[in-house]
Amino acid sequence: MNMIMESADVSDQAMIGQGSRIWHLAQVREGAVIGAECNIGRGAYIGPGARLGDRCKIQNYALVYEPAVLADGVFIGPAAVLTNDQFPRAINPDGSLKDGNDWDVVGVSIGVGAAIGARAVCIAPLVIGAWATVAAGAVVTRDVPAYAVVAGVPARRVGWVGEAGHPLNAAEGHWVCPETGRRYEETDGNLRPM
């Protein structure tokens, strides 16, 4: 059974998966798809047509603009933003107010289990790979490989992380998760489990 707080603004045209919780003042727009067992925090915004997989956690005041696509188990930290406009302007060159027909919507796609830190900004279009971690406050302007840890403005890879969320340790030509013992190999700037 879903739990939707009375103060939340959830469109009748949104699809909400079984067992999801939507907290105070959150807004879920028309055409949005929220998977099963998701948690949408206070004041969070899910744009029209945005798609969230199962067991995603969208923290307080995070903004997920359409056409974002989040795979299962994605974490979006407090006040993080997934943008959707490469060339933002309020008006056209002739001074007329822009509307939905005056811009090309681009989105952020996030792979399984990835985590976006508090107040990070992901500038579309871009892809964040599975299990990657974007540090708090980072500004991501280009694709992030699976298992990468990125930080800074603009964000750059500063390490690797495993599925458990712990930074990986280098060990004789491969990487090891200190929590699970799982091993990974790095090839051409990408990481994959061994």
N, C-alpha and C. Protein backbone atom coordinates (compact mmCIF):
# COMPACT_ATOMS: atom_id res chain seq x y z
N MET A 1 0.84 -1.19 0.00
CA MET A 1 0.00 0.00 0.00
C MET A 1 0.88 1.25 0.00
N ASN A 2 0.49 2.23 -0.79
CA ASN A 2 1.23 3.49 -0.87
C ASN A 2 0.86 4.41 0.28
N MET A 3 1.81 5.28 0.64
CA MET A 3 1.55 6.31 1.63
C MET A 3 1.83 7.65 0.96
N ILE A 4 0.80 8.44 0.77
CA ILE A 4 0.94 9.76 0.17
C ILE A 4 0.39 10.77 1.16
N MET A 5 1.25 11.66 1.65
CA MET A 5 0.83 12.66 2.61
C MET A 5 -0.18 13.61 1.97
N GLU A 6 -1.10 14.09 2.78
CA GLU A 6 -2.18 14.95 2.28
C GLU A 6 -1.64 16.22 1.64
N SER A 7 -0.52 16.76 2.13
CA SER A 7 0.03 18.00 1.59
C SER A 7 0.83 17.79 0.30
N ALA A 8 1.05 16.53 -0.10
CA ALA A 8 1.76 16.26 -1.36
C ALA A 8 0.84 16.56 -2.53
N ASP A 9 1.42 16.98 -3.64
CA ASP A 9 0.67 17.30 -4.86
C ASP A 9 1.04 16.24 -5.90
N VAL A 10 0.20 15.21 -6.01
CA VAL A 10 0.47 14.08 -6.91
C VAL A 10 -0.61 14.06 -7.99
N SER A 11 -0.17 14.18 -9.22
CA SER A 11 -1.11 14.18 -10.34
C SER A 11 -1.85 12.84 -10.43
N ASP A 12 -3.12 12.92 -10.81
CA ASP A 12 -3.90 11.71 -11.07
C ASP A 12 -3.36 10.96 -12.28
N GLN A 13 -2.56 11.65 -13.11
CA GLN A 13 -2.00 11.03 -14.31
C GLN A 13 -0.59 10.48 -14.08
N ALA A 14 -0.12 10.51 -12.84
CA ALA A 14 1.17 9.89 -12.50
C ALA A 14 0.92 8.43 -12.12
N MET A 15 1.91 7.59 -12.36
CA MET A 15 1.81 6.18 -11.96
C MET A 15 2.72 5.97 -10.76
N ILE A 16 2.15 5.49 -9.68
CA ILE A 16 2.90 5.30 -8.43
C ILE A 16 2.94 3.80 -8.12
N GLY A 17 4.14 3.24 -8.01
CA GLY A 17 4.31 1.82 -7.73
C GLY A 17 3.92 1.44 -6.31
N GLN A 18 3.61 0.19 -6.14
CA GLN A 18 3.17 -0.36 -4.86
C GLN A 18 4.21 -0.12 -3.77
N GLY A 19 3.75 0.32 -2.60
CA GLY A 19 4.60 0.48 -1.44
C GLY A 19 5.43 1.75 -1.43
N SER A 20 5.19 2.66 -2.36
CA SER A 20 5.95 3.91 -2.39
C SER A 20 5.39 4.90 -1.38
N ARG A 21 6.28 5.80 -0.91
CA ARG A 21 5.89 6.82 0.07
C ARG A 21 6.25 8.19 -0.49
N ILE A 22 5.28 9.10 -0.42
CA ILE A 22 5.47 10.45 -0.91
C ILE A 22 5.15 11.40 0.25
N TRP A 23 6.16 12.16 0.66
CA TRP A 23 6.07 12.95 1.88
C TRP A 23 5.54 14.36 1.62
N HIS A 24 5.41 15.12 2.71
CA HIS A 24 4.83 16.47 2.71
C HIS A 24 5.42 17.36 1.62
N LEU A 25 4.55 18.07 0.95
CA LEU A 25 4.89 19.12 -0.01
C LEU A 25 5.63 18.63 -1.25
N ALA A 26 5.79 17.33 -1.41
CA ALA A 26 6.39 16.80 -2.64
C ALA A 26 5.41 17.01 -3.79
N GLN A 27 5.97 17.15 -5.00
CA GLN A 27 5.12 17.29 -6.18
C GLN A 27 5.53 16.25 -7.20
N VAL A 28 4.56 15.46 -7.65
CA VAL A 28 4.78 14.46 -8.70
C VAL A 28 3.84 14.82 -9.84
N ARG A 29 4.43 15.19 -10.99
CA ARG A 29 3.67 15.73 -12.10
C ARG A 29 3.06 14.64 -12.98
N GLU A 30 2.19 15.08 -13.88
CA GLU A 30 1.49 14.21 -14.81
C GLU A 30 2.49 13.41 -15.66
N GLY A 31 2.15 12.15 -15.87
CA GLY A 31 2.98 11.29 -16.70
C GLY A 31 4.23 10.76 -16.02
N ALA A 32 4.52 11.20 -14.80
CA ALA A 32 5.67 10.66 -14.08
C ALA A 32 5.38 9.21 -13.70
N VAL A 33 6.43 8.40 -13.69
CA VAL A 33 6.30 7.00 -13.30
C VAL A 33 7.24 6.77 -12.12
N ILE A 34 6.67 6.38 -11.00
CA ILE A 34 7.43 6.09 -9.78
C ILE A 34 7.34 4.59 -9.55
N GLY A 35 8.47 3.92 -9.44
CA GLY A 35 8.49 2.47 -9.25
C GLY A 35 7.99 2.06 -7.87
N ALA A 36 8.05 0.77 -7.61
CA ALA A 36 7.61 0.22 -6.32
C ALA A 36 8.62 0.56 -5.23
N GLU A 37 8.10 0.75 -4.03
CA GLU A 37 8.89 0.95 -2.81
C GLU A 37 9.85 2.13 -2.89
N CYS A 38 9.45 3.18 -3.59
CA CYS A 38 10.26 4.40 -3.66
C CYS A 38 9.91 5.30 -2.48
N ASN A 39 10.84 6.19 -2.16
CA ASN A 39 10.63 7.16 -1.10
C ASN A 39 10.91 8.55 -1.68
N ILE A 40 9.88 9.38 -1.75
CA ILE A 40 10.00 10.73 -2.30
C ILE A 40 9.89 11.71 -1.14
N GLY A 41 10.99 12.39 -0.81
CA GLY A 41 11.08 13.23 0.38
C GLY A 41 10.31 14.52 0.31
N ARG A 42 10.27 15.18 1.46
CA ARG A 42 9.57 16.45 1.63
C ARG A 42 10.05 17.47 0.58
N GLY A 43 9.09 18.09 -0.11
CA GLY A 43 9.40 19.16 -1.04
C GLY A 43 10.10 18.72 -2.31
N ALA A 44 10.26 17.43 -2.54
CA ALA A 44 10.91 16.96 -3.77
C ALA A 44 9.99 17.21 -4.96
N TYR A 45 10.60 17.33 -6.14
CA TYR A 45 9.85 17.56 -7.36
C TYR A 45 10.22 16.49 -8.38
N ILE A 46 9.19 15.82 -8.93
CA ILE A 46 9.37 14.83 -9.99
C ILE A 46 8.60 15.35 -11.20
N GLY A 47 9.32 15.70 -12.27
CA GLY A 47 8.73 16.36 -13.43
C GLY A 47 7.87 15.45 -14.29
N PRO A 48 7.06 16.06 -15.18
CA PRO A 48 6.19 15.28 -16.05
C PRO A 48 6.99 14.34 -16.94
N GLY A 49 6.63 13.08 -16.92
CA GLY A 49 7.31 12.10 -17.76
C GLY A 49 8.60 11.56 -17.18
N ALA A 50 9.06 12.04 -16.03
CA ALA A 50 10.26 11.45 -15.41
C ALA A 50 9.94 10.02 -15.01
N ARG A 51 10.95 9.15 -15.06
CA ARG A 51 10.74 7.73 -14.77
C ARG A 51 11.72 7.26 -13.71
N LEU A 52 11.18 6.72 -12.62
CA LEU A 52 11.99 6.19 -11.53
C LEU A 52 11.77 4.70 -11.43
N GLY A 53 12.85 3.94 -11.30
CA GLY A 53 12.74 2.50 -11.11
C GLY A 53 12.27 2.18 -9.70
N ASP A 54 12.36 0.92 -9.34
CA ASP A 54 11.96 0.48 -8.00
C ASP A 54 13.00 0.87 -6.96
N ARG A 55 12.53 1.08 -5.74
CA ARG A 55 13.37 1.31 -4.56
C ARG A 55 14.32 2.50 -4.70
N CYS A 56 13.89 3.54 -5.41
CA CYS A 56 14.66 4.78 -5.49
C CYS A 56 14.36 5.62 -4.25
N LYS A 57 15.34 6.41 -3.84
CA LYS A 57 15.17 7.29 -2.70
C LYS A 57 15.53 8.71 -3.14
N ILE A 58 14.52 9.58 -3.16
CA ILE A 58 14.68 10.97 -3.56
C ILE A 58 14.54 11.80 -2.28
N GLN A 59 15.64 12.38 -1.83
CA GLN A 59 15.65 13.08 -0.55
C GLN A 59 14.96 14.44 -0.65
N ASN A 60 14.80 15.08 0.51
CA ASN A 60 14.08 16.35 0.62
C ASN A 60 14.60 17.40 -0.36
N TYR A 61 13.66 18.04 -1.03
CA TYR A 61 13.90 19.19 -1.91
C TYR A 61 14.75 18.88 -3.14
N ALA A 62 14.94 17.63 -3.46
CA ALA A 62 15.62 17.27 -4.71
C ALA A 62 14.68 17.58 -5.88
N LEU A 63 15.28 17.94 -7.03
CA LEU A 63 14.52 18.30 -8.22
C LEU A 63 14.91 17.37 -9.35
N VAL A 64 13.95 16.56 -9.79
CA VAL A 64 14.18 15.59 -10.87
C VAL A 64 13.34 16.03 -12.06
N TYR A 65 13.98 16.78 -12.97
CA TYR A 65 13.26 17.32 -14.12
C TYR A 65 13.20 16.29 -15.25
N GLU A 66 12.08 16.31 -15.94
CA GLU A 66 11.86 15.44 -17.08
C GLU A 66 12.83 15.78 -18.20
N PRO A 67 13.25 14.84 -18.99
CA PRO A 67 12.87 13.43 -19.05
C PRO A 67 13.84 12.50 -18.33
N ALA A 68 14.19 12.82 -17.09
CA ALA A 68 15.12 11.98 -16.33
C ALA A 68 14.64 10.54 -16.28
N VAL A 69 15.61 9.61 -16.33
CA VAL A 69 15.32 8.19 -16.20
C VAL A 69 16.26 7.63 -15.15
N LEU A 70 15.69 7.13 -14.06
CA LEU A 70 16.47 6.55 -12.96
C LEU A 70 16.20 5.06 -12.91
N ALA A 71 17.25 4.26 -12.90
CA ALA A 71 17.12 2.81 -12.79
C ALA A 71 16.77 2.45 -11.34
N ASP A 72 16.66 1.18 -11.06
CA ASP A 72 16.34 0.72 -9.71
C ASP A 72 17.42 1.14 -8.71
N GLY A 73 16.97 1.46 -7.50
CA GLY A 73 17.89 1.69 -6.40
C GLY A 73 18.72 2.95 -6.46
N VAL A 74 18.29 3.95 -7.19
CA VAL A 74 19.05 5.20 -7.29
C VAL A 74 18.75 6.08 -6.08
N PHE A 75 19.80 6.71 -5.55
CA PHE A 75 19.70 7.65 -4.42
C PHE A 75 19.98 9.05 -4.94
N ILE A 76 19.05 9.98 -4.67
CA ILE A 76 19.25 11.39 -5.01
C ILE A 76 19.23 12.16 -3.69
N GLY A 77 20.36 12.80 -3.35
CA GLY A 77 20.51 13.48 -2.06
C GLY A 77 19.70 14.76 -1.95
N PRO A 78 19.64 15.30 -0.72
CA PRO A 78 18.86 16.51 -0.46
C PRO A 78 19.29 17.66 -1.37
N ALA A 79 18.30 18.31 -1.97
CA ALA A 79 18.47 19.51 -2.78
C ALA A 79 19.33 19.30 -4.03
N ALA A 80 19.55 18.05 -4.43
CA ALA A 80 20.26 17.79 -5.69
C ALA A 80 19.33 18.15 -6.85
N VAL A 81 19.93 18.47 -8.01
CA VAL A 81 19.14 18.89 -9.18
C VAL A 81 19.59 18.11 -10.41
N LEU A 82 18.61 17.53 -11.12
CA LEU A 82 18.84 16.93 -12.44
C LEU A 82 18.20 17.87 -13.44
N THR A 83 19.02 18.57 -14.23
CA THR A 83 18.49 19.60 -15.14
C THR A 83 17.94 18.99 -16.42
N ASN A 84 17.34 19.85 -17.26
CA ASN A 84 16.79 19.36 -18.53
C ASN A 84 16.86 20.36 -19.67
N ASP A 85 17.59 21.43 -19.52
CA ASP A 85 17.65 22.46 -20.56
C ASP A 85 19.10 22.86 -20.78
N GLN A 86 19.65 22.55 -21.96
CA GLN A 86 21.04 22.87 -22.26
C GLN A 86 21.29 24.36 -22.41
N PHE A 87 20.32 25.09 -22.91
CA PHE A 87 20.50 26.51 -23.21
C PHE A 87 19.36 27.31 -22.58
N PRO A 88 19.34 27.43 -21.25
CA PRO A 88 18.19 28.04 -20.58
C PRO A 88 18.05 29.54 -20.85
N ARG A 89 16.86 29.93 -21.17
CA ARG A 89 16.46 31.33 -21.34
C ARG A 89 14.98 31.44 -20.99
N ALA A 90 14.57 32.57 -20.44
CA ALA A 90 13.16 32.82 -20.15
C ALA A 90 12.43 33.36 -21.37
N ILE A 91 13.20 34.06 -22.25
CA ILE A 91 12.58 34.67 -23.43
C ILE A 91 13.34 34.27 -24.69
N ASN A 92 12.68 34.40 -25.82
CA ASN A 92 13.29 34.19 -27.13
C ASN A 92 14.04 35.46 -27.53
N PRO A 93 14.91 35.39 -28.57
CA PRO A 93 15.63 36.59 -29.00
C PRO A 93 14.72 37.77 -29.35
N ASP A 94 13.47 37.50 -29.76
CA ASP A 94 12.55 38.60 -30.09
C ASP A 94 11.85 39.17 -28.86
N GLY A 95 12.18 38.66 -27.68
CA GLY A 95 11.59 39.16 -26.43
C GLY A 95 10.33 38.43 -25.99
N SER A 96 9.81 37.53 -26.84
CA SER A 96 8.61 36.79 -26.46
C SER A 96 8.94 35.73 -25.40
N LEU A 97 7.98 35.48 -24.54
CA LEU A 97 8.16 34.49 -23.47
C LEU A 97 8.31 33.09 -24.06
N LYS A 98 9.32 32.37 -23.62
CA LYS A 98 9.50 31.00 -24.09
C LYS A 98 8.39 30.12 -23.53
N ASP A 99 8.00 29.10 -24.30
CA ASP A 99 7.09 28.08 -23.80
C ASP A 99 7.67 26.72 -24.15
N GLY A 100 6.95 25.68 -23.88
CA GLY A 100 7.43 24.32 -24.08
C GLY A 100 7.86 23.99 -25.50
N ASN A 101 7.35 24.71 -26.48
CA ASN A 101 7.71 24.46 -27.87
C ASN A 101 9.02 25.15 -28.28
N ASP A 102 9.57 26.00 -27.43
CA ASP A 102 10.74 26.79 -27.77
C ASP A 102 12.06 26.20 -27.28
N TRP A 103 12.02 25.00 -26.75
CA TRP A 103 13.28 24.42 -26.27
C TRP A 103 13.26 22.91 -26.42
N ASP A 104 14.45 22.34 -26.53
CA ASP A 104 14.60 20.90 -26.65
C ASP A 104 14.92 20.33 -25.28
N VAL A 105 14.04 19.49 -24.80
CA VAL A 105 14.22 18.88 -23.48
C VAL A 105 15.27 17.78 -23.59
N VAL A 106 16.26 17.81 -22.71
CA VAL A 106 17.29 16.77 -22.62
C VAL A 106 17.31 16.28 -21.18
N GLY A 107 17.73 15.04 -20.98
CA GLY A 107 17.62 14.48 -19.64
C GLY A 107 18.88 13.87 -19.09
N VAL A 108 18.78 13.49 -17.84
CA VAL A 108 19.84 12.78 -17.13
C VAL A 108 19.36 11.34 -16.95
N SER A 109 20.22 10.38 -17.31
CA SER A 109 19.92 8.96 -17.10
C SER A 109 20.89 8.44 -16.05
N ILE A 110 20.36 7.70 -15.08
CA ILE A 110 21.19 7.22 -13.97
C ILE A 110 21.02 5.72 -13.84
N GLY A 111 22.16 5.00 -13.79
CA GLY A 111 22.17 3.55 -13.72
C GLY A 111 21.86 2.99 -12.34
N VAL A 112 21.64 1.70 -12.30
CA VAL A 112 21.27 0.96 -11.08
C VAL A 112 22.21 1.30 -9.92
N GLY A 113 21.62 1.59 -8.77
CA GLY A 113 22.37 1.74 -7.53
C GLY A 113 23.23 2.97 -7.41
N ALA A 114 23.22 3.87 -8.39
CA ALA A 114 24.06 5.07 -8.33
C ALA A 114 23.54 6.02 -7.25
N ALA A 115 24.44 6.89 -6.76
CA ALA A 115 24.10 7.84 -5.71
C ALA A 115 24.55 9.24 -6.11
N ILE A 116 23.64 10.20 -5.95
CA ILE A 116 23.92 11.60 -6.23
C ILE A 116 23.89 12.33 -4.89
N GLY A 117 24.99 12.96 -4.52
CA GLY A 117 25.11 13.60 -3.21
C GLY A 117 24.30 14.87 -3.07
N ALA A 118 24.19 15.33 -1.83
CA ALA A 118 23.43 16.53 -1.49
C ALA A 118 23.91 17.73 -2.29
N ARG A 119 22.97 18.49 -2.81
CA ARG A 119 23.21 19.73 -3.55
C ARG A 119 24.07 19.57 -4.80
N ALA A 120 24.25 18.35 -5.26
CA ALA A 120 24.94 18.14 -6.54
C ALA A 120 24.02 18.61 -7.66
N VAL A 121 24.62 19.03 -8.78
CA VAL A 121 23.87 19.45 -9.95
C VAL A 121 24.36 18.62 -11.13
N CYS A 122 23.44 17.93 -11.79
CA CYS A 122 23.75 17.11 -12.97
C CYS A 122 23.17 17.83 -14.18
N ILE A 123 24.05 18.32 -15.06
CA ILE A 123 23.63 19.16 -16.17
C ILE A 123 23.43 18.30 -17.42
N ALA A 124 22.17 18.16 -17.82
CA ALA A 124 21.79 17.32 -18.95
C ALA A 124 22.29 17.92 -20.26
N PRO A 125 22.49 17.07 -21.27
CA PRO A 125 22.27 15.62 -21.26
C PRO A 125 23.51 14.89 -20.75
N LEU A 126 23.28 13.88 -19.94
CA LEU A 126 24.39 13.04 -19.50
C LEU A 126 23.88 11.74 -18.93
N VAL A 127 24.83 10.77 -18.83
CA VAL A 127 24.54 9.44 -18.30
C VAL A 127 25.46 9.21 -17.12
N ILE A 128 24.89 8.77 -16.02
CA ILE A 128 25.67 8.39 -14.84
C ILE A 128 25.55 6.88 -14.72
N GLY A 129 26.70 6.21 -14.75
CA GLY A 129 26.72 4.75 -14.79
C GLY A 129 26.28 4.10 -13.49
N ALA A 130 26.01 2.79 -13.59
CA ALA A 130 25.57 1.99 -12.45
C ALA A 130 26.57 2.09 -11.31
N TRP A 131 26.07 2.21 -10.10
CA TRP A 131 26.84 2.18 -8.85
C TRP A 131 27.80 3.35 -8.71
N ALA A 132 27.77 4.33 -9.61
CA ALA A 132 28.63 5.50 -9.50
C ALA A 132 28.19 6.35 -8.31
N THR A 133 29.09 7.20 -7.83
CA THR A 133 28.79 8.13 -6.75
C THR A 133 29.21 9.53 -7.17
N VAL A 134 28.26 10.46 -7.08
CA VAL A 134 28.53 11.88 -7.32
C VAL A 134 28.60 12.54 -5.95
N ALA A 135 29.75 13.16 -5.64
CA ALA A 135 29.95 13.77 -4.33
C ALA A 135 29.01 14.94 -4.11
N ALA A 136 28.74 15.24 -2.85
CA ALA A 136 27.92 16.39 -2.48
C ALA A 136 28.52 17.66 -3.08
N GLY A 137 27.67 18.49 -3.64
CA GLY A 137 28.09 19.77 -4.18
C GLY A 137 28.77 19.73 -5.53
N ALA A 138 28.94 18.55 -6.10
CA ALA A 138 29.59 18.44 -7.42
C ALA A 138 28.69 19.02 -8.51
N VAL A 139 29.32 19.47 -9.58
CA VAL A 139 28.59 19.90 -10.77
C VAL A 139 29.04 18.99 -11.91
N VAL A 140 28.14 18.10 -12.33
CA VAL A 140 28.47 17.09 -13.32
C VAL A 140 28.08 17.60 -14.70
N THR A 141 29.10 17.69 -15.60
CA THR A 141 28.87 18.24 -16.93
C THR A 141 29.13 17.23 -18.04
N ARG A 142 29.59 16.03 -17.67
CA ARG A 142 29.84 14.99 -18.68
C ARG A 142 29.54 13.62 -18.07
N ASP A 143 29.41 12.61 -18.94
CA ASP A 143 29.05 11.27 -18.50
C ASP A 143 30.00 10.76 -17.42
N VAL A 144 29.45 9.93 -16.53
CA VAL A 144 30.20 9.35 -15.42
C VAL A 144 30.19 7.83 -15.60
N PRO A 145 31.38 7.19 -15.65
CA PRO A 145 31.41 5.74 -15.83
C PRO A 145 30.84 5.00 -14.63
N ALA A 146 30.40 3.78 -14.87
CA ALA A 146 29.95 2.91 -13.78
C ALA A 146 31.05 2.79 -12.73
N TYR A 147 30.67 2.78 -11.47
CA TYR A 147 31.56 2.61 -10.30
C TYR A 147 32.48 3.80 -10.04
N ALA A 148 32.40 4.87 -10.82
CA ALA A 148 33.27 6.02 -10.60
C ALA A 148 32.78 6.87 -9.43
N VAL A 149 33.71 7.50 -8.74
CA VAL A 149 33.41 8.54 -7.77
C VAL A 149 33.86 9.85 -8.41
N VAL A 150 32.94 10.82 -8.54
CA VAL A 150 33.29 12.11 -9.10
C VAL A 150 33.01 13.20 -8.08
N ALA A 151 33.85 14.24 -8.10
CA ALA A 151 33.72 15.36 -7.16
C ALA A 151 34.22 16.62 -7.82
N GLY A 152 33.79 17.76 -7.30
CA GLY A 152 34.32 19.04 -7.74
C GLY A 152 33.45 19.77 -8.73
N VAL A 153 33.96 20.96 -9.13
CA VAL A 153 33.27 21.82 -10.07
C VAL A 153 34.27 22.24 -11.14
N PRO A 154 34.19 21.72 -12.36
CA PRO A 154 33.30 20.62 -12.76
C PRO A 154 33.78 19.30 -12.17
N ALA A 155 32.86 18.35 -12.09
CA ALA A 155 33.17 17.06 -11.48
C ALA A 155 34.20 16.28 -12.31
N ARG A 156 35.13 15.67 -11.59
CA ARG A 156 36.15 14.81 -12.20
C ARG A 156 36.25 13.53 -11.37
N ARG A 157 36.67 12.44 -12.04
CA ARG A 157 36.79 11.18 -11.31
C ARG A 157 37.93 11.30 -10.30
N VAL A 158 37.61 10.92 -9.04
CA VAL A 158 38.60 10.96 -7.96
C VAL A 158 38.84 9.57 -7.37
N GLY A 159 38.12 8.56 -7.87
CA GLY A 159 38.31 7.21 -7.37
C GLY A 159 37.24 6.29 -7.92
N TRP A 160 37.21 5.10 -7.32
CA TRP A 160 36.23 4.07 -7.69
C TRP A 160 35.49 3.64 -6.43
N VAL A 161 34.27 3.16 -6.62
CA VAL A 161 33.44 2.73 -5.51
C VAL A 161 32.75 1.42 -5.89
N GLY A 162 32.50 0.55 -4.91
CA GLY A 162 31.79 -0.70 -5.16
C GLY A 162 30.31 -0.58 -4.86
N GLU A 163 29.59 -1.68 -5.06
CA GLU A 163 28.14 -1.68 -4.82
C GLU A 163 27.77 -1.33 -3.38
N ALA A 164 28.66 -1.62 -2.42
CA ALA A 164 28.37 -1.33 -1.01
C ALA A 164 28.55 0.15 -0.68
N GLY A 165 29.05 0.94 -1.64
CA GLY A 165 29.22 2.36 -1.43
C GLY A 165 30.57 2.76 -0.85
N HIS A 166 31.44 1.80 -0.58
CA HIS A 166 32.75 2.09 -0.01
C HIS A 166 33.78 2.32 -1.13
N PRO A 167 34.71 3.27 -0.92
CA PRO A 167 35.78 3.45 -1.90
C PRO A 167 36.58 2.15 -2.04
N LEU A 168 37.00 1.86 -3.28
CA LEU A 168 37.77 0.64 -3.54
C LEU A 168 39.24 0.88 -3.27
N ASN A 169 39.94 -0.17 -2.87
CA ASN A 169 41.38 -0.14 -2.61
C ASN A 169 42.12 -0.81 -3.75
N ALA A 170 43.24 -0.21 -4.17
CA ALA A 170 44.09 -0.81 -5.20
C ALA A 170 44.82 -2.01 -4.60
N ALA A 171 44.89 -3.11 -5.38
CA ALA A 171 45.55 -4.33 -4.90
C ALA A 171 46.08 -5.14 -6.07
N GLU A 172 47.37 -5.04 -6.35
CA GLU A 172 48.05 -5.88 -7.35
C GLU A 172 47.32 -5.96 -8.68
N GLY A 173 47.14 -4.82 -9.33
CA GLY A 173 46.56 -4.80 -10.66
C GLY A 173 45.05 -4.84 -10.72
N HIS A 174 44.38 -4.78 -9.60
CA HIS A 174 42.92 -4.72 -9.59
C HIS A 174 42.47 -3.88 -8.40
N TRP A 175 41.17 -3.81 -8.21
CA TRP A 175 40.58 -3.03 -7.12
C TRP A 175 39.75 -3.95 -6.26
N VAL A 176 39.68 -3.66 -4.94
CA VAL A 176 38.96 -4.52 -4.00
C VAL A 176 38.06 -3.67 -3.10
N CYS A 177 36.85 -4.15 -2.89
CA CYS A 177 35.93 -3.48 -1.96
C CYS A 177 36.28 -3.92 -0.54
N PRO A 178 36.60 -2.98 0.36
CA PRO A 178 36.95 -3.35 1.73
C PRO A 178 35.78 -3.93 2.52
N GLU A 179 34.57 -3.68 2.08
CA GLU A 179 33.38 -4.16 2.78
C GLU A 179 33.00 -5.58 2.36
N THR A 180 33.01 -5.85 1.05
CA THR A 180 32.53 -7.13 0.54
C THR A 180 33.64 -8.06 0.06
N GLY A 181 34.82 -7.51 -0.19
CA GLY A 181 35.91 -8.32 -0.75
C GLY A 181 35.80 -8.53 -2.25
N ARG A 182 34.77 -7.99 -2.87
CA ARG A 182 34.60 -8.16 -4.31
C ARG A 182 35.73 -7.47 -5.06
N ARG A 183 36.17 -8.09 -6.16
CA ARG A 183 37.30 -7.58 -6.95
C ARG A 183 36.79 -7.00 -8.27
N TYR A 184 37.50 -5.98 -8.74
CA TYR A 184 37.15 -5.28 -9.96
C TYR A 184 38.42 -5.08 -10.78
N GLU A 185 38.24 -5.02 -12.11
CA GLU A 185 39.39 -4.70 -12.97
C GLU A 185 39.10 -3.43 -13.74
N GLU A 186 40.16 -2.65 -13.95
CA GLU A 186 40.06 -1.39 -14.67
C GLU A 186 40.66 -1.56 -16.05
N THR A 187 39.90 -1.18 -17.07
CA THR A 187 40.36 -1.25 -18.45
C THR A 187 39.90 -0.01 -19.19
N ASP A 188 40.83 0.71 -19.78
CA ASP A 188 40.52 1.89 -20.59
C ASP A 188 39.63 2.90 -19.87
N GLY A 189 39.90 3.15 -18.60
CA GLY A 189 39.15 4.14 -17.85
C GLY A 189 37.79 3.68 -17.38
N ASN A 190 37.52 2.39 -17.48
CA ASN A 190 36.25 1.83 -17.00
C ASN A 190 36.55 0.71 -16.02
N LEU A 191 35.59 0.46 -15.14
CA LEU A 191 35.76 -0.57 -14.12
C LEU A 191 34.65 -1.60 -14.28
N ARG A 192 34.99 -2.87 -14.04
CA ARG A 192 33.95 -3.91 -14.06
C ARG A 192 34.33 -5.00 -13.07
N PRO A 193 33.31 -5.67 -12.53
CA PRO A 193 33.59 -6.76 -11.59
C PRO A 193 34.36 -7.88 -12.27
N MET A 194 35.23 -8.52 -11.51
CA MET A 194 36.01 -9.65 -12.04
C MET A 194 35.21 -10.94 -11.89
